């Protein structure tokens, strides 16, 4: 959940302020950033905890 929130803020900072707005945030850049950050965190966590 934290990765998704951080990703949404990062996505809006990286991709700009375009598209629909909801709650003061641009929806499409926030979704893109959240998806990217969650995917990266999930990949890292899988590699770290799956050392067996």
N, C-alpha and C. Protein backbone atom coordinates (compact mmCIF):
# COMPACT_ATOMS: atom_id res chain seq x y z
N UNK A 1 0.83 -1.19 0.00
CA UNK A 1 0.00 0.00 0.00
C UNK A 1 0.88 1.25 0.00
N UNK A 2 1.93 1.22 0.79
CA UNK A 2 2.84 2.36 0.83
C UNK A 2 3.52 2.56 -0.52
N UNK A 3 3.89 1.44 -1.17
CA UNK A 3 4.53 1.54 -2.48
C UNK A 3 3.57 2.15 -3.50
N UNK A 4 2.30 1.82 -3.41
CA UNK A 4 1.32 2.39 -4.32
C UNK A 4 1.14 3.88 -4.13
N UNK A 5 1.09 4.31 -2.89
CA UNK A 5 0.95 5.75 -2.60
C UNK A 5 2.20 6.52 -3.03
N UNK A 6 3.36 5.96 -2.73
CA UNK A 6 4.60 6.62 -3.15
C UNK A 6 4.70 6.65 -4.67
N UNK A 7 4.29 5.56 -5.31
CA UNK A 7 4.32 5.50 -6.76
C UNK A 7 3.38 6.49 -7.41
N UNK A 8 2.24 6.70 -6.80
CA UNK A 8 1.30 7.66 -7.39
C UNK A 8 1.85 9.08 -7.32
N UNK A 9 2.50 9.43 -6.23
CA UNK A 9 3.12 10.75 -6.12
C UNK A 9 4.30 10.87 -7.09
N UNK A 10 5.09 9.81 -7.19
CA UNK A 10 6.23 9.81 -8.11
C UNK A 10 5.76 9.87 -9.56
N UNK A 11 4.71 9.14 -9.88
CA UNK A 11 4.18 9.14 -11.24
C UNK A 11 3.69 10.50 -11.67
N UNK A 12 3.03 11.19 -10.76
CA UNK A 12 2.55 12.52 -11.11
C UNK A 12 3.73 13.48 -11.27
N UNK A 13 4.77 13.31 -10.47
CA UNK A 13 5.95 14.17 -10.60
C UNK A 13 6.69 13.89 -11.91
N UNK A 14 6.78 12.60 -12.30
CA UNK A 14 7.52 12.24 -13.51
C UNK A 14 6.74 12.49 -14.80
N UNK A 15 5.46 12.09 -14.79
CA UNK A 15 4.67 12.13 -16.02
C UNK A 15 3.86 13.41 -16.18
N UNK A 16 3.83 14.26 -15.18
CA UNK A 16 3.14 15.54 -15.31
C UNK A 16 1.73 15.52 -14.74
N UNK A 17 1.03 16.56 -15.05
CA UNK A 17 -0.29 16.82 -14.48
C UNK A 17 -1.32 16.89 -15.60
N UNK A 18 -1.58 15.76 -16.24
CA UNK A 18 -2.51 15.72 -17.37
C UNK A 18 -3.56 14.66 -17.14
N UNK A 19 -4.62 14.72 -17.90
CA UNK A 19 -5.71 13.75 -17.76
C UNK A 19 -6.71 14.16 -16.69
N UNK A 20 -7.52 13.18 -16.28
CA UNK A 20 -8.53 13.44 -15.28
C UNK A 20 -7.88 13.75 -13.94
N UNK A 21 -8.60 14.52 -13.12
CA UNK A 21 -8.13 14.85 -11.79
C UNK A 21 -9.16 14.37 -10.77
N UNK A 22 -8.66 13.77 -9.72
CA UNK A 22 -9.52 13.28 -8.64
C UNK A 22 -8.78 13.52 -7.34
N UNK A 23 -9.37 14.26 -6.45
CA UNK A 23 -8.72 14.55 -5.16
C UNK A 23 -7.45 15.36 -5.31
N UNK A 24 -7.36 16.18 -6.32
CA UNK A 24 -6.19 17.02 -6.52
C UNK A 24 -5.03 16.32 -7.21
N UNK A 25 -5.23 15.08 -7.64
CA UNK A 25 -4.15 14.35 -8.33
C UNK A 25 -4.61 13.96 -9.73
N UNK A 26 -3.67 13.96 -10.66
CA UNK A 26 -3.96 13.49 -12.01
C UNK A 26 -4.02 11.97 -11.97
N UNK A 27 -5.09 11.40 -12.45
CA UNK A 27 -5.36 9.97 -12.28
C UNK A 27 -4.42 9.10 -13.11
N UNK A 28 -4.25 9.39 -14.38
CA UNK A 28 -3.47 8.52 -15.26
C UNK A 28 -1.99 8.50 -14.87
N UNK A 29 -1.33 9.64 -14.66
CA UNK A 29 0.06 9.57 -14.21
C UNK A 29 0.22 8.89 -12.85
N UNK A 30 -0.74 9.09 -11.96
CA UNK A 30 -0.68 8.45 -10.65
C UNK A 30 -0.80 6.93 -10.78
N UNK A 31 -1.69 6.47 -11.65
CA UNK A 31 -1.82 5.03 -11.85
C UNK A 31 -0.57 4.43 -12.47
N UNK A 32 -0.01 5.11 -13.46
CA UNK A 32 1.21 4.61 -14.09
C UNK A 32 2.35 4.51 -13.08
N UNK A 33 2.53 5.55 -12.29
CA UNK A 33 3.59 5.53 -11.29
C UNK A 33 3.37 4.46 -10.24
N UNK A 34 2.13 4.28 -9.80
CA UNK A 34 1.83 3.26 -8.79
C UNK A 34 2.09 1.87 -9.34
N UNK A 35 1.69 1.62 -10.57
CA UNK A 35 1.90 0.30 -11.17
C UNK A 35 3.39 0.00 -11.30
N UNK A 36 4.16 0.97 -11.74
CA UNK A 36 5.59 0.77 -11.92
C UNK A 36 6.28 0.51 -10.58
N UNK A 37 5.99 1.33 -9.58
CA UNK A 37 6.66 1.17 -8.29
C UNK A 37 6.24 -0.13 -7.61
N UNK A 38 4.97 -0.48 -7.66
CA UNK A 38 4.52 -1.73 -7.04
C UNK A 38 5.17 -2.93 -7.74
N UNK A 39 5.29 -2.89 -9.05
CA UNK A 39 5.93 -3.99 -9.78
C UNK A 39 7.41 -4.12 -9.39
N UNK A 40 8.11 -3.01 -9.26
CA UNK A 40 9.52 -3.04 -8.88
C UNK A 40 9.67 -3.56 -7.45
N UNK A 41 8.85 -3.07 -6.53
CA UNK A 41 8.93 -3.53 -5.14
C UNK A 41 8.59 -5.01 -5.04
N UNK A 42 7.59 -5.47 -5.77
CA UNK A 42 7.23 -6.90 -5.74
C UNK A 42 8.37 -7.75 -6.29
N UNK A 43 9.02 -7.31 -7.34
CA UNK A 43 10.15 -8.04 -7.90
C UNK A 43 11.30 -8.14 -6.89
N UNK A 44 11.61 -7.02 -6.26
CA UNK A 44 12.69 -7.00 -5.28
C UNK A 44 12.35 -7.89 -4.09
N UNK A 45 11.15 -7.80 -3.58
CA UNK A 45 10.75 -8.62 -2.43
C UNK A 45 10.78 -10.10 -2.77
N UNK A 46 10.40 -10.45 -3.98
CA UNK A 46 10.45 -11.85 -4.40
C UNK A 46 11.89 -12.36 -4.42
N UNK A 47 12.79 -11.54 -4.93
CA UNK A 47 14.21 -11.95 -4.99
C UNK A 47 14.82 -12.03 -3.59
N UNK A 48 14.46 -11.14 -2.70
CA UNK A 48 15.03 -11.11 -1.36
C UNK A 48 14.53 -12.28 -0.51
N UNK A 49 13.24 -12.54 -0.53
CA UNK A 49 12.66 -13.54 0.36
C UNK A 49 12.54 -14.92 -0.25
N UNK A 50 12.94 -15.08 -1.50
CA UNK A 50 12.84 -16.38 -2.15
C UNK A 50 14.24 -16.95 -2.42
N UNK A 51 15.09 -16.89 -1.42
CA UNK A 51 16.47 -17.35 -1.58
C UNK A 51 16.64 -18.84 -1.31
N UNK A 52 15.57 -19.54 -1.02
CA UNK A 52 15.65 -20.97 -0.68
C UNK A 52 16.06 -21.77 -1.86
